[in-house]
Amino acid sequence: AWLPVRAELRRWQRESGIPMLFTEVGYASIDGVAMHPWDYTAEG
């Protein structure tokens, strides 16, 4: 699932030439979090 996202972001960074950071890489400890990583209030 990550691979096409990586390809898009690598292309975008090369075209922009601007250093790219990931300011938030995280996952809540909830069953099913990979379906909606932003939702820390999800049931599970």
All heavy atoms as atom14 arrays in JSON, in Angstrom:
{
  "sequence": "AWLPVRAELRRWQRESGIPMLFTEVGYASIDGVAMHPWDYTAEG",
  "atom14_mask": [
    [1, 1, 1, 1, 1, 0, 0, 0, 0, 0, 0, 0, 0, 0],
    [1, 1, 1, 1, 1, 1, 1, 1, 1, 1, 1, 1, 1, 1],
    [1, 1, 1, 1, 1, 1, 1, 1, 0, 0, 0, 0, 0, 0],
    [1, 1, 1, 1, 1, 1, 1, 0, 0, 0, 0, 0, 0, 0],
    [1, 1, 1, 1, 1, 1, 1, 0, 0, 0, 0, 0, 0, 0],
    [1, 1, 1, 1, 1, 1, 1, 1, 1, 1, 1, 0, 0, 0],
    [1, 1, 1, 1, 1, 0, 0, 0, 0, 0, 0, 0, 0, 0],
    [1, 1, 1, 1, 1, 1, 1, 1, 1, 0, 0, 0, 0, 0],
    [1, 1, 1, 1, 1, 1, 1, 1, 0, 0, 0, 0, 0, 0],
    [1, 1, 1, 1, 1, 1, 1, 1, 1, 1, 1, 0, 0, 0],
    [1, 1, 1, 1, 1, 1, 1, 1, 1, 1, 1, 0, 0, 0],
    [1, 1, 1, 1, 1, 1, 1, 1, 1, 1, 1, 1, 1, 1],
    [1, 1, 1, 1, 1, 1, 1, 1, 1, 0, 0, 0, 0, 0],
    [1, 1, 1, 1, 1, 1, 1, 1, 1, 1, 1, 0, 0, 0],
    [1, 1, 1, 1, 1, 1, 1, 1, 1, 0, 0, 0, 0, 0],
    [1, 1, 1, 1, 1, 1, 0, 0, 0, 0, 0, 0, 0, 0],
    [1, 1, 1, 1, 0, 0, 0, 0, 0, 0, 0, 0, 0, 0],
    [1, 1, 1, 1, 1, 1, 1, 1, 0, 0, 0, 0, 0, 0],
    [1, 1, 1, 1, 1, 1, 1, 0, 0, 0, 0, 0, 0, 0],
    [1, 1, 1, 1, 1, 1, 1, 1, 0, 0, 0, 0, 0, 0],
    [1, 1, 1, 1, 1, 1, 1, 1, 0, 0, 0, 0, 0, 0],
    [1, 1, 1, 1, 1, 1, 1, 1, 1, 1, 1, 0, 0, 0],
    [1, 1, 1, 1, 1, 1, 1, 0, 0, 0, 0, 0, 0, 0],
    [1, 1, 1, 1, 1, 1, 1, 1, 1, 0, 0, 0, 0, 0],
    [1, 1, 1, 1, 1, 1, 1, 0, 0, 0, 0, 0, 0, 0],
    [1, 1, 1, 1, 0, 0, 0, 0, 0, 0, 0, 0, 0, 0],
    [1, 1, 1, 1, 1, 1, 1, 1, 1, 1, 1, 1, 0, 0],
    [1, 1, 1, 1, 1, 0, 0, 0, 0, 0, 0, 0, 0, 0],
    [1, 1, 1, 1, 1, 1, 0, 0, 0, 0, 0, 0, 0, 0],
    [1, 1, 1, 1, 1, 1, 1, 1, 0, 0, 0, 0, 0, 0],
    [1, 1, 1, 1, 1, 1, 1, 1, 0, 0, 0, 0, 0, 0],
    [1, 1, 1, 1, 0, 0, 0, 0, 0, 0, 0, 0, 0, 0],
    [1, 1, 1, 1, 1, 1, 1, 0, 0, 0, 0, 0, 0, 0],
    [1, 1, 1, 1, 1, 0, 0, 0, 0, 0, 0, 0, 0, 0],
    [1, 1, 1, 1, 1, 1, 1, 1, 0, 0, 0, 0, 0, 0],
    [1, 1, 1, 1, 1, 1, 1, 1, 1, 1, 0, 0, 0, 0],
    [1, 1, 1, 1, 1, 1, 1, 0, 0, 0, 0, 0, 0, 0],
    [1, 1, 1, 1, 1, 1, 1, 1, 1, 1, 1, 1, 1, 1],
    [1, 1, 1, 1, 1, 1, 1, 1, 0, 0, 0, 0, 0, 0],
    [1, 1, 1, 1, 1, 1, 1, 1, 1, 1, 1, 1, 0, 0],
    [1, 1, 1, 1, 1, 1, 1, 0, 0, 0, 0, 0, 0, 0],
    [1, 1, 1, 1, 1, 0, 0, 0, 0, 0, 0, 0, 0, 0],
    [1, 1, 1, 1, 1, 1, 1, 1, 1, 0, 0, 0, 0, 0],
    [1, 1, 1, 1, 0, 0, 0, 0, 0, 0, 0, 0, 0, 0]
  ],
  "atom14_positions": [
    [[0.83, -1.21, 0.0], [0.0, 0.0, 0.0], [0.86, 1.26, 0.0], [0.47, 2.3, -0.57], [-0.93, 0.0, 1.21], [0.0, 0.0, 0.0], [0.0, 0.0, 0.0], [0.0, 0.0, 0.0], [0.0, 0.0, 0.0], [0.0, 0.0, 0.0], [0.0, 0.0, 0.0], [0.0, 0.0, 0.0], [0.0, 0.0, 0.0], [0.0, 0.0, 0.0]],
    [[2.03, 1.19, 0.63], [2.93, 2.35, 0.7], [3.64, 2.63, -0.63], [3.97, 3.78, -0.93], [4.01, 2.12, 1.76], [3.78, 2.78, 3.08], [3.63, 2.18, 4.3], [3.7, 4.19, 3.34], [3.47, 3.1, 5.29], [3.51, 4.36, 4.73], [3.77, 5.32, 2.54], [3.39, 5.61, 5.33], [3.64, 6.57, 3.13], [3.45, 6.71, 4.5]],
    [[3.9, 1.62, -1.42], [4.78, 1.79, -2.57], [4.3, 2.85, -3.57], [5.11, 3.68, -4.01], [5.01, 0.45, -3.26], [5.82, -0.56, -2.44], [5.96, -1.87, -3.21], [7.2, -0.01, -2.09], [0.0, 0.0, 0.0], [0.0, 0.0, 0.0], [0.0, 0.0, 0.0], [0.0, 0.0, 0.0], [0.0, 0.0, 0.0], [0.0, 0.0, 0.0]],
    [[3.02, 2.88, -3.99], [2.61, 3.95, -4.91], [2.67, 5.33, -4.27], [2.95, 6.32, -4.95], [1.19, 3.56, -5.31], [0.71, 2.63, -4.26], [1.92, 1.91, -3.77], [0.0, 0.0, 0.0], [0.0, 0.0, 0.0], [0.0, 0.0, 0.0], [0.0, 0.0, 0.0], [0.0, 0.0, 0.0], [0.0, 0.0, 0.0], [0.0, 0.0, 0.0]],
    [[2.41, 5.42, -2.97], [2.53, 6.7, -2.27], [3.98, 7.16, -2.29], [4.28, 8.33, -2.58], [2.03, 6.57, -0.81], [2.27, 7.87, -0.05], [0.56, 6.2, -0.78], [0.0, 0.0, 0.0], [0.0, 0.0, 0.0], [0.0, 0.0, 0.0], [0.0, 0.0, 0.0], [0.0, 0.0, 0.0], [0.0, 0.0, 0.0], [0.0, 0.0, 0.0]],
    [[4.89, 6.23, -2.03], [6.31, 6.58, -2.05], [6.72, 7.08, -3.43], [7.45, 8.07, -3.55], [7.16, 5.39, -1.64], [8.64, 5.74, -1.54], [9.49, 4.53, -1.2], [9.55, 3.58, -2.3], [10.28, 2.47, -2.28], [11.0, 2.17, -1.2], [10.29, 1.64, -3.3], [0.0, 0.0, 0.0], [0.0, 0.0, 0.0], [0.0, 0.0, 0.0]],
    [[6.26, 6.41, -4.46], [6.63, 6.82, -5.81], [6.15, 8.24, -6.1], [6.88, 9.06, -6.69], [6.05, 5.84, -6.83], [0.0, 0.0, 0.0], [0.0, 0.0, 0.0], [0.0, 0.0, 0.0], [0.0, 0.0, 0.0], [0.0, 0.0, 0.0], [0.0, 0.0, 0.0], [0.0, 0.0, 0.0], [0.0, 0.0, 0.0], [0.0, 0.0, 0.0]],
    [[4.92, 8.56, -5.68], [4.38, 9.91, -5.91], [5.17, 10.96, -5.13], [5.52, 12.02, -5.67], [2.91, 9.96, -5.5], [2.29, 11.34, -5.67], [0.87, 11.41, -5.12], [0.43, 10.47, -4.43], [0.2, 12.44, -5.37], [0.0, 0.0, 0.0], [0.0, 0.0, 0.0], [0.0, 0.0, 0.0], [0.0, 0.0, 0.0], [0.0, 0.0, 0.0]],
    [[5.47, 10.68, -3.87], [6.18, 11.67, -3.06], [7.62, 11.85, -3.51], [8.14, 12.97, -3.47], [6.13, 11.26, -1.58], [4.76, 11.32, -0.91], [4.85, 10.89, 0.55], [4.15, 12.71, -1.01], [0.0, 0.0, 0.0], [0.0, 0.0, 0.0], [0.0, 0.0, 0.0], [0.0, 0.0, 0.0], [0.0, 0.0, 0.0], [0.0, 0.0, 0.0]],
    [[8.26, 10.79, -3.96], [9.63, 10.93, -4.46], [9.66, 11.8, -5.72], [10.52, 12.66, -5.87], [10.23, 9.56, -4.74], [10.46, 8.72, -3.51], [11.12, 7.38, -3.84], [12.53, 7.57, -4.18], [13.35, 6.55, -4.45], [12.89, 5.31, -4.45], [14.61, 6.79, -4.74], [0.0, 0.0, 0.0], [0.0, 0.0, 0.0], [0.0, 0.0, 0.0]],
    [[8.7, 11.57, -6.61], [8.62, 12.38, -7.83], [8.37, 13.84, -7.47], [9.03, 14.74, -7.99], [7.5, 11.86, -8.73], [7.25, 12.74, -9.97], [5.94, 12.38, -10.64], [4.81, 12.48, -9.74], [4.25, 13.63, -9.37], [4.74, 14.79, -9.82], [3.21, 13.64, -8.55], [0.0, 0.0, 0.0], [0.0, 0.0, 0.0], [0.0, 0.0, 0.0]],
    [[7.43, 14.07, -6.54], [7.08, 15.43, -6.15], [8.27, 16.14, -5.52], [8.55, 17.3, -5.81], [5.9, 15.38, -5.19], [5.47, 16.7, -4.65], [4.76, 17.67, -5.29], [5.73, 17.21, -3.33], [4.55, 18.74, -4.45], [5.14, 18.49, -3.26], [6.38, 16.7, -2.21], [5.2, 19.26, -2.1], [6.44, 17.47, -1.06], [5.85, 18.73, -1.02]],
    [[9.02, 15.44, -4.67], [10.16, 16.07, -4.03], [11.25, 16.4, -5.05], [11.85, 17.48, -4.99], [10.72, 15.14, -2.94], [11.73, 15.81, -2.01], [13.11, 15.99, -2.64], [13.56, 15.13, -3.41], [13.78, 17.1, -2.32], [0.0, 0.0, 0.0], [0.0, 0.0, 0.0], [0.0, 0.0, 0.0], [0.0, 0.0, 0.0], [0.0, 0.0, 0.0]],
    [[11.5, 15.5, -5.99], [12.53, 15.78, -6.99], [12.15, 16.98, -7.85], [13.0, 17.79, -8.21], [12.75, 14.54, -7.86], [13.46, 13.4, -7.15], [13.93, 12.35, -8.13], [12.82, 11.7, -8.83], [12.23, 10.57, -8.46], [12.65, 9.95, -7.36], [11.25, 10.06, -9.15], [0.0, 0.0, 0.0], [0.0, 0.0, 0.0], [0.0, 0.0, 0.0]],
    [[10.87, 17.1, -8.16], [10.43, 18.24, -8.98], [10.49, 19.54, -8.21], [10.83, 20.59, -8.76], [9.01, 17.99, -9.49], [8.92, 16.87, -10.53], [7.49, 16.6, -10.96], [6.55, 17.22, -10.39], [7.29, 15.76, -11.87], [0.0, 0.0, 0.0], [0.0, 0.0, 0.0], [0.0, 0.0, 0.0], [0.0, 0.0, 0.0], [0.0, 0.0, 0.0]],
    [[10.15, 19.53, -6.93], [10.15, 20.76, -6.12], [11.55, 21.14, -5.68], [11.87, 22.33, -5.54], [9.25, 20.6, -4.89], [9.84, 19.71, -3.95], [0.0, 0.0, 0.0], [0.0, 0.0, 0.0], [0.0, 0.0, 0.0], [0.0, 0.0, 0.0], [0.0, 0.0, 0.0], [0.0, 0.0, 0.0], [0.0, 0.0, 0.0], [0.0, 0.0, 0.0]],
    [[12.41, 20.16, -5.43], [13.76, 20.43, -4.96], [13.83, 20.89, -3.52], [14.89, 21.32, -3.05], [0.0, 0.0, 0.0], [0.0, 0.0, 0.0], [0.0, 0.0, 0.0], [0.0, 0.0, 0.0], [0.0, 0.0, 0.0], [0.0, 0.0, 0.0], [0.0, 0.0, 0.0], [0.0, 0.0, 0.0], [0.0, 0.0, 0.0], [0.0, 0.0, 0.0]],
    [[12.73, 20.81, -2.78], [12.69, 21.29, -1.4], [12.88, 20.1, -0.46], [12.26, 19.05, -0.64], [11.34, 21.97, -1.12], [11.16, 23.17, -2.05], [11.24, 22.41, 0.33], [9.75, 23.71, -2.06], [0.0, 0.0, 0.0], [0.0, 0.0, 0.0], [0.0, 0.0, 0.0], [0.0, 0.0, 0.0], [0.0, 0.0, 0.0], [0.0, 0.0, 0.0]],
    [[13.76, 20.22, 0.55], [13.91, 19.12, 1.5], [12.57, 18.71, 2.1], [11.77, 19.56, 2.51], [14.83, 19.72, 2.57], [15.62, 20.76, 1.85], [14.68, 21.35, 0.84], [0.0, 0.0, 0.0], [0.0, 0.0, 0.0], [0.0, 0.0, 0.0], [0.0, 0.0, 0.0], [0.0, 0.0, 0.0], [0.0, 0.0, 0.0], [0.0, 0.0, 0.0]],
    [[12.31, 17.41, 2.13], [11.02, 16.88, 2.58], [11.2, 16.14, 3.9], [12.05, 15.26, 4.02], [10.45, 15.94, 1.51], [9.1, 15.34, 1.88], [8.41, 14.3, 0.55], [9.51, 12.86, 0.63], [0.0, 0.0, 0.0], [0.0, 0.0, 0.0], [0.0, 0.0, 0.0], [0.0, 0.0, 0.0], [0.0, 0.0, 0.0], [0.0, 0.0, 0.0]],
    [[10.37, 16.52, 4.87], [10.33, 15.86, 6.17], [8.98, 15.19, 6.35], [7.97, 15.63, 5.79], [10.52, 16.86, 7.31], [11.58, 17.94, 7.19], [11.47, 18.88, 8.39], [12.96, 17.32, 7.12], [0.0, 0.0, 0.0], [0.0, 0.0, 0.0], [0.0, 0.0, 0.0], [0.0, 0.0, 0.0], [0.0, 0.0, 0.0], [0.0, 0.0, 0.0]],
    [[8.95, 14.15, 7.17], [7.68, 13.64, 7.68], [7.57, 14.13, 9.12], [8.32, 13.69, 9.99], [7.63, 12.12, 7.62], [7.48, 11.55, 6.23], [7.88, 10.26, 5.95], [6.92, 12.31, 5.22], [7.73, 9.73, 4.68], [6.77, 11.81, 3.93], [7.17, 10.51, 3.67], [0.0, 0.0, 0.0], [0.0, 0.0, 0.0], [0.0, 0.0, 0.0]],
    [[6.67, 15.06, 9.36], [6.54, 15.67, 10.68], [5.72, 14.83, 11.65], [5.82, 15.02, 12.86], [5.9, 17.06, 10.56], [4.81, 17.0, 9.63], [6.91, 18.08, 10.07], [0.0, 0.0, 0.0], [0.0, 0.0, 0.0], [0.0, 0.0, 0.0], [0.0, 0.0, 0.0], [0.0, 0.0, 0.0], [0.0, 0.0, 0.0], [0.0, 0.0, 0.0]],
    [[4.93, 13.9, 11.13], [4.16, 13.0, 11.99], [4.09, 11.63, 11.34], [3.42, 11.45, 10.32], [2.74, 13.52, 12.23], [2.66, 14.85, 12.97], [1.22, 15.3, 13.21], [0.34, 14.43, 13.35], [0.98, 16.52, 13.22], [0.0, 0.0, 0.0], [0.0, 0.0, 0.0], [0.0, 0.0, 0.0], [0.0, 0.0, 0.0], [0.0, 0.0, 0.0]],
    [[4.79, 10.67, 11.92], [4.69, 9.27, 11.52], [4.25, 8.5, 12.75], [5.02, 8.34, 13.7], [6.03, 8.71, 11.01], [5.89, 7.22, 10.69], [6.52, 9.47, 9.79], [0.0, 0.0, 0.0], [0.0, 0.0, 0.0], [0.0, 0.0, 0.0], [0.0, 0.0, 0.0], [0.0, 0.0, 0.0], [0.0, 0.0, 0.0], [0.0, 0.0, 0.0]],
    [[2.99, 8.08, 12.78], [2.52, 7.4, 13.97], [1.21, 6.67, 13.75], [0.45, 6.98, 12.83], [0.0, 0.0, 0.0], [0.0, 0.0, 0.0], [0.0, 0.0, 0.0], [0.0, 0.0, 0.0], [0.0, 0.0, 0.0], [0.0, 0.0, 0.0], [0.0, 0.0, 0.0], [0.0, 0.0, 0.0], [0.0, 0.0, 0.0], [0.0, 0.0, 0.0]],
    [[0.98, 5.71, 14.62], [-0.23, 4.88, 14.56], [-0.69, 4.62, 15.98], [0.11, 4.22, 16.84], [0.05, 3.56, 13.84], [0.54, 3.77, 12.42], [1.91, 3.91, 12.16], [-0.35, 3.88, 11.37], [2.36, 4.14, 10.88], [0.1, 4.11, 10.08], [1.46, 4.24, 9.84], [1.9, 4.48, 8.56], [0.0, 0.0, 0.0], [0.0, 0.0, 0.0]],
    [[-1.98, 4.81, 16.22], [-2.54, 4.45, 17.51], [-2.53, 2.94, 17.67], [-2.52, 2.19, 16.69], [-3.96, 5.01, 17.64], [0.0, 0.0, 0.0], [0.0, 0.0, 0.0], [0.0, 0.0, 0.0], [0.0, 0.0, 0.0], [0.0, 0.0, 0.0], [0.0, 0.0, 0.0], [0.0, 0.0, 0.0], [0.0, 0.0, 0.0], [0.0, 0.0, 0.0]],
    [[-2.57, 2.49, 18.91], [-2.54, 1.05, 19.2], [-3.96, 0.51, 19.24], [-4.46, 0.05, 20.27], [-1.83, 0.81, 20.53], [-0.54, 1.35, 20.52], [0.0, 0.0, 0.0], [0.0, 0.0, 0.0], [0.0, 0.0, 0.0], [0.0, 0.0, 0.0], [0.0, 0.0, 0.0], [0.0, 0.0, 0.0], [0.0, 0.0, 0.0], [0.0, 0.0, 0.0]],
    [[-4.62, 0.55, 18.08], [-6.03, 0.16, 17.97], [-6.17, -0.82, 16.81], [-5.61, -0.62, 15.73], [-6.92, 1.39, 17.71], [-6.78, 2.42, 18.83], [-8.38, 0.99, 17.56], [-7.5, 3.72, 18.56], [0.0, 0.0, 0.0], [0.0, 0.0, 0.0], [0.0, 0.0, 0.0], [0.0, 0.0, 0.0], [0.0, 0.0, 0.0], [0.0, 0.0, 0.0]],
    [[-6.94, -1.87, 17.03], [-7.2, -2.83, 15.97], [-7.89, -2.13, 14.8], [-8.89, -1.44, 14.98], [-8.1, -3.95, 16.51], [-8.29, -5.06, 15.5], [-7.33, -5.38, 14.78], [-9.41, -5.6, 15.43], [0.0, 0.0, 0.0], [0.0, 0.0, 0.0], [0.0, 0.0, 0.0], [0.0, 0.0, 0.0], [0.0, 0.0, 0.0], [0.0, 0.0, 0.0]],
    [[-7.34, -2.28, 13.6], [-7.9, -1.64, 12.42], [-7.32, -0.28, 12.12], [-7.78, 0.4, 11.2], [0.0, 0.0, 0.0], [0.0, 0.0, 0.0], [0.0, 0.0, 0.0], [0.0, 0.0, 0.0], [0.0, 0.0, 0.0], [0.0, 0.0, 0.0], [0.0, 0.0, 0.0], [0.0, 0.0, 0.0], [0.0, 0.0, 0.0], [0.0, 0.0, 0.0]],
    [[-6.29, 0.15, 12.85], [-5.77, 1.51, 12.69], [-5.21, 1.75, 11.29], [-5.22, 2.89, 10.79], [-4.7, 1.82, 13.76], [-3.42, 1.02, 13.52], [-4.39, 3.3, 13.82], [0.0, 0.0, 0.0], [0.0, 0.0, 0.0], [0.0, 0.0, 0.0], [0.0, 0.0, 0.0], [0.0, 0.0, 0.0], [0.0, 0.0, 0.0], [0.0, 0.0, 0.0]],
    [[-4.75, 0.72, 10.62], [-4.19, 0.91, 9.28], [-5.23, 1.39, 8.28], [-4.88, 1.96, 7.24], [-3.56, -0.39, 8.78], [0.0, 0.0, 0.0], [0.0, 0.0, 0.0], [0.0, 0.0, 0.0], [0.0, 0.0, 0.0], [0.0, 0.0, 0.0], [0.0, 0.0, 0.0], [0.0, 0.0, 0.0], [0.0, 0.0, 0.0], [0.0, 0.0, 0.0]],
    [[-6.52, 1.19, 8.58], [-7.57, 1.65, 7.66], [-7.81, 3.15, 7.78], [-8.26, 3.79, 6.84], [-8.88, 0.9, 7.94], [-8.8, -0.6, 7.68], [-10.41, -1.43, 7.81], [-10.72, -1.28, 9.59], [0.0, 0.0, 0.0], [0.0, 0.0, 0.0], [0.0, 0.0, 0.0], [0.0, 0.0, 0.0], [0.0, 0.0, 0.0], [0.0, 0.0, 0.0]],
    [[-7.52, 3.71, 8.96], [-7.77, 5.14, 9.21], [-6.76, 5.64, 10.25], [-7.12, 5.9, 11.4], [-9.21, 5.35, 9.71], [-9.7, 4.24, 10.59], [-9.19, 4.0, 11.85], [-10.63, 3.28, 10.37], [-9.81, 2.96, 12.4], [-10.68, 2.49, 11.51], [0.0, 0.0, 0.0], [0.0, 0.0, 0.0], [0.0, 0.0, 0.0], [0.0, 0.0, 0.0]],
    [[-5.49, 5.79, 9.86], [-4.45, 6.11, 10.85], [-4.64, 7.43, 11.57], [-4.06, 7.63, 12.65], [-3.17, 6.13, 10.0], [-3.48, 5.3, 8.8], [-4.93, 5.54, 8.52], [0.0, 0.0, 0.0], [0.0, 0.0, 0.0], [0.0, 0.0, 0.0], [0.0, 0.0, 0.0], [0.0, 0.0, 0.0], [0.0, 0.0, 0.0], [0.0, 0.0, 0.0]],
    [[-5.4, 8.36, 11.01], [-5.6, 9.67, 11.63], [-6.6, 9.61, 12.77], [-6.67, 10.54, 13.58], [-6.09, 10.66, 10.57], [-7.4, 10.24, 9.97], [-8.66, 10.54, 10.44], [-7.6, 9.42, 8.83], [-9.61, 9.95, 9.66], [-8.99, 9.26, 8.66], [-6.73, 8.8, 7.92], [-9.53, 8.5, 7.61], [-7.27, 8.05, 6.89], [-8.65, 7.91, 6.74]],
    [[-7.4, 8.56, 12.86], [-8.55, 8.54, 13.78], [-8.19, 7.81, 15.07], [-8.39, 6.6, 15.2], [-9.75, 7.88, 13.1], [-11.03, 8.02, 13.95], [-10.96, 8.67, 15.03], [-12.07, 7.5, 13.52], [0.0, 0.0, 0.0], [0.0, 0.0, 0.0], [0.0, 0.0, 0.0], [0.0, 0.0, 0.0], [0.0, 0.0, 0.0], [0.0, 0.0, 0.0]],
    [[-7.66, 8.56, 16.03], [-7.3, 7.96, 17.31], [-8.51, 7.74, 18.2], [-8.39, 7.15, 19.28], [-6.27, 8.84, 18.03], [-6.75, 10.26, 18.28], [-7.43, 10.6, 19.44], [-6.53, 11.26, 17.33], [-7.88, 11.89, 19.67], [-6.97, 12.56, 17.55], [-7.64, 12.86, 18.71], [-8.09, 14.14, 18.92], [0.0, 0.0, 0.0], [0.0, 0.0, 0.0]],
    [[-9.7, 8.18, 17.77], [-10.93, 7.98, 18.55], [-11.71, 6.76, 18.07], [-12.79, 6.48, 18.59], [-11.84, 9.21, 18.45], [-12.31, 9.35, 17.09], [-11.1, 10.47, 18.85], [0.0, 0.0, 0.0], [0.0, 0.0, 0.0], [0.0, 0.0, 0.0], [0.0, 0.0, 0.0], [0.0, 0.0, 0.0], [0.0, 0.0, 0.0], [0.0, 0.0, 0.0]],
    [[-11.2, 6.04, 17.09], [-11.94, 4.93, 16.49], [-12.2, 3.82, 17.51], [-11.43, 3.61, 18.45], [-11.16, 4.36, 15.31], [0.0, 0.0, 0.0], [0.0, 0.0, 0.0], [0.0, 0.0, 0.0], [0.0, 0.0, 0.0], [0.0, 0.0, 0.0], [0.0, 0.0, 0.0], [0.0, 0.0, 0.0], [0.0, 0.0, 0.0], [0.0, 0.0, 0.0]],
    [[-13.3, 3.1, 17.29], [-13.6, 1.94, 18.1], [-12.62, 0.83, 17.74], [-12.1, 0.75, 16.64], [-15.03, 1.46, 17.85], [-16.09, 2.49, 18.23], [-16.16, 2.72, 19.72], [-15.84, 1.77, 20.48], [-16.52, 3.83, 20.14], [0.0, 0.0, 0.0], [0.0, 0.0, 0.0], [0.0, 0.0, 0.0], [0.0, 0.0, 0.0], [0.0, 0.0, 0.0]],
    [[-12.39, -0.06, 18.69], [-11.5, -1.18, 18.42], [-10.72, -1.54, 19.66], [-10.47, -0.69, 20.53], [0.0, 0.0, 0.0], [0.0, 0.0, 0.0], [0.0, 0.0, 0.0], [0.0, 0.0, 0.0], [0.0, 0.0, 0.0], [0.0, 0.0, 0.0], [0.0, 0.0, 0.0], [0.0, 0.0, 0.0], [0.0, 0.0, 0.0], [0.0, 0.0, 0.0]]
  ]
}
